[in-house]
Amino acid sequence: MDTVRTFLVVVDDTPESRVAMRFAALRAAHVNARVTLLHTMPVTEFMQWGGVQELIEAEAKANAEALLAGVADELFALSGQRPGMIVRQGEPTAAVLETVAADPSIRALVLGAASKGAPGPLVAFFSGERAGTLPCLVMIVPGSLDDARLAELA
């Protein structure tokens, strides 16, 4: 039985995450796969007034969903397919590990690398000591790639 192949893209508000999403959309179209977008939200610190904390968390979730909806629209424009969308609260590496462990259809974790400077924490973590333990590929897409080059590589 064939399982749908999925590319998991971690999305935030950085330009490199958009480049990773575009690569994943193009690559998925070539191999008849789907894309799932993952955004992580930090855990809010405990506040004495729970109502205020709930409002802060609800606003953060609404912002996360709006970010994913915008990226999903961009992905749809590129590929004609609607991606899956996941919002998780917590530490980003743990959220990615939980998502990959929970979904056996994930064939690749697609991360964007900043075009300048040191790699971000997800790229450093998943290309370091954990790289050999994941049940899927890790694709690191350079944030400096333009659309023409992305199309060639996909």
Protein backbone atom coordinates (compact mmCIF):
# COMPACT_ATOMS: atom_id res chain seq x y z
CA MET A 1 0.00 0.00 0.00
CA ASP A 2 1.43 3.36 -1.04
CA THR A 3 1.45 6.13 1.48
CA VAL A 4 1.31 9.73 0.38
CA ARG A 5 4.78 11.20 0.60
CA THR A 6 5.03 14.39 2.62
CA PHE A 7 7.63 17.13 2.83
CA LEU A 8 7.53 18.88 6.21
CA VAL A 9 8.57 22.54 6.05
CA VAL A 10 9.21 24.55 9.19
CA VAL A 11 7.76 28.01 8.65
CA ASP A 12 8.51 31.21 10.50
CA ASP A 13 8.70 34.83 9.41
CA THR A 14 12.21 34.60 7.93
CA PRO A 15 12.96 34.87 4.21
CA GLU A 16 14.82 31.54 4.24
CA SER A 17 11.73 29.67 5.40
CA ARG A 18 9.90 31.03 2.34
CA VAL A 19 12.71 29.78 0.09
CA ALA A 20 12.48 26.34 1.75
CA MET A 21 8.71 26.34 1.20
CA ARG A 22 9.08 27.22 -2.48
CA PHE A 23 11.63 24.45 -2.98
CA ALA A 24 9.39 21.94 -1.19
CA ALA A 25 6.37 22.96 -3.29
CA LEU A 26 8.30 22.55 -6.55
CA ARG A 27 9.93 19.28 -5.49
CA ALA A 28 6.65 17.84 -4.21
CA ALA A 29 5.01 18.61 -7.54
CA HIS A 30 7.78 16.66 -9.34
CA VAL A 31 7.46 13.54 -7.18
CA ASN A 32 3.70 13.60 -6.56
CA ALA A 33 4.05 14.42 -2.86
CA ARG A 34 2.33 16.85 -0.57
CA VAL A 35 3.68 19.57 1.67
CA THR A 36 2.85 20.13 5.31
CA LEU A 37 3.75 23.42 6.95
CA LEU A 38 4.76 23.48 10.62
CA HIS A 39 4.97 26.57 12.79
CA THR A 40 5.97 26.49 16.43
CA MET A 41 4.90 28.98 19.07
CA PRO A 42 6.79 29.52 22.30
CA VAL A 43 5.12 28.49 25.52
CA THR A 44 3.92 31.59 27.34
CA GLU A 45 5.19 32.06 30.83
CA PHE A 46 2.73 31.45 33.60
CA MET A 47 0.88 34.60 34.58
CA GLN A 48 -1.01 35.12 37.80
CA TRP A 49 -4.09 36.22 35.87
CA GLY A 50 -5.06 33.27 33.70
CA GLY A 51 -7.41 35.34 31.55
CA VAL A 52 -4.54 37.53 30.39
CA GLN A 53 -2.43 34.47 29.62
CA GLU A 54 -5.29 32.94 27.62
CA LEU A 55 -5.64 36.14 25.60
CA ILE A 56 -1.91 36.23 24.87
CA GLU A 57 -1.94 32.57 23.79
CA ALA A 58 -5.05 33.07 21.64
CA GLU A 59 -3.44 36.07 19.93
CA ALA A 60 -0.22 34.11 19.32
CA LYS A 61 -2.21 31.21 17.85
CA ALA A 62 -4.19 33.59 15.59
CA ASN A 63 -0.92 35.16 14.40
CA ALA A 64 0.57 31.71 13.73
CA GLU A 65 -2.49 30.63 11.78
CA ALA A 66 -2.42 33.87 9.76
CA LEU A 67 1.26 33.32 8.95
CA LEU A 68 0.58 29.75 7.82
CA ALA A 69 -2.45 30.82 5.78
CA GLY A 70 -0.35 33.37 3.89
CA VAL A 71 2.41 30.84 3.22
CA ALA A 72 -0.21 28.26 2.20
CA ASP A 73 -1.66 30.71 -0.33
CA GLU A 74 1.81 31.28 -1.76
CA LEU A 75 2.39 27.52 -1.95
CA PHE A 76 -0.98 27.01 -3.65
CA ALA A 77 -0.08 29.65 -6.25
CA LEU A 78 3.15 27.74 -6.99
CA SER A 79 1.85 24.18 -7.03
CA GLY A 80 -1.95 24.22 -7.21
CA GLN A 81 -2.09 22.12 -4.04
CA ARG A 82 -3.20 23.10 -0.55
CA PRO A 83 -0.66 22.12 2.11
CA GLY A 84 -1.37 20.63 5.46
CA MET A 85 -0.84 23.07 8.33
CA ILE A 86 0.26 22.35 11.87
CA VAL A 87 0.72 24.79 14.75
CA ARG A 88 2.51 23.41 17.79
CA GLN A 89 3.37 25.10 21.01
CA GLY A 90 6.75 24.44 22.57
CA GLU A 91 10.41 24.23 21.83
CA PRO A 92 10.91 24.07 18.02
CA THR A 93 13.26 21.06 17.85
CA ALA A 94 10.97 19.03 20.11
CA ALA A 95 7.94 20.06 18.04
CA VAL A 96 9.64 18.94 14.83
CA LEU A 97 10.72 15.63 16.36
CA GLU A 98 7.18 14.97 17.64
CA THR A 99 5.67 15.82 14.25
CA VAL A 100 8.06 13.55 12.36
CA ALA A 101 7.54 10.71 14.83
CA ALA A 102 3.75 11.02 14.59
CA ASP A 103 3.54 10.97 10.77
CA PRO A 104 5.19 8.08 8.89
CA SER A 105 4.35 9.73 5.55
CA ILE A 106 7.00 12.41 6.15
CA ARG A 107 9.83 11.66 3.75
CA ALA A 108 11.82 14.88 4.22
CA LEU A 109 12.24 17.69 6.68
CA VAL A 110 12.88 20.84 4.65
CA LEU A 111 14.67 23.68 6.41
CA GLY A 112 15.83 27.05 5.11
CA ALA A 113 19.35 28.25 5.89
CA ALA A 114 20.03 31.97 6.22
CA SER A 115 22.04 33.41 3.35
CA LYS A 116 24.46 35.04 5.82
CA GLY A 117 25.77 34.19 9.24
CA ALA A 118 25.70 31.09 11.38
CA PRO A 119 23.01 28.49 10.83
CA GLY A 120 19.86 28.86 12.85
CA PRO A 121 19.11 26.53 15.74
CA LEU A 122 16.98 24.09 13.71
CA VAL A 123 19.55 23.76 10.92
CA ALA A 124 22.35 23.34 13.46
CA PHE A 125 20.39 20.74 15.46
CA PHE A 126 19.11 18.65 12.56
CA SER A 127 22.36 18.71 10.59
CA GLY A 128 24.40 17.90 13.69
CA GLU A 129 24.22 15.00 16.08
CA ARG A 130 20.55 14.17 15.36
CA ALA A 131 20.93 13.97 11.57
CA GLY A 132 21.63 10.25 11.58
CA THR A 133 18.74 9.33 13.86
CA LEU A 134 15.78 10.76 11.95
CA PRO A 135 13.43 8.48 10.00
CA CYS A 136 13.47 10.89 7.04
CA LEU A 137 15.78 12.98 4.92
CA VAL A 138 16.85 16.45 6.00
CA MET A 139 16.96 18.97 3.16
CA ILE A 140 18.66 22.27 3.89
CA VAL A 141 17.82 24.89 1.29
CA PRO A 142 20.15 27.89 1.03
CA GLY A 143 18.20 31.08 1.59
CA SER A 144 20.12 32.84 -1.19
CA LEU A 145 18.63 30.74 -4.00
CA ASP A 146 16.39 32.59 -6.44
CA ASP A 147 13.26 31.13 -8.00
CA ALA A 148 14.99 30.14 -11.25
CA ARG A 149 17.68 28.18 -9.41
CA LEU A 150 15.07 26.58 -7.13
CA ALA A 151 13.18 25.37 -10.20
CA GLU A 152 16.39 23.86 -11.63
CA LEU A 153 17.20 22.05 -8.38
CA ALA A 154 13.69 20.81 -7.68
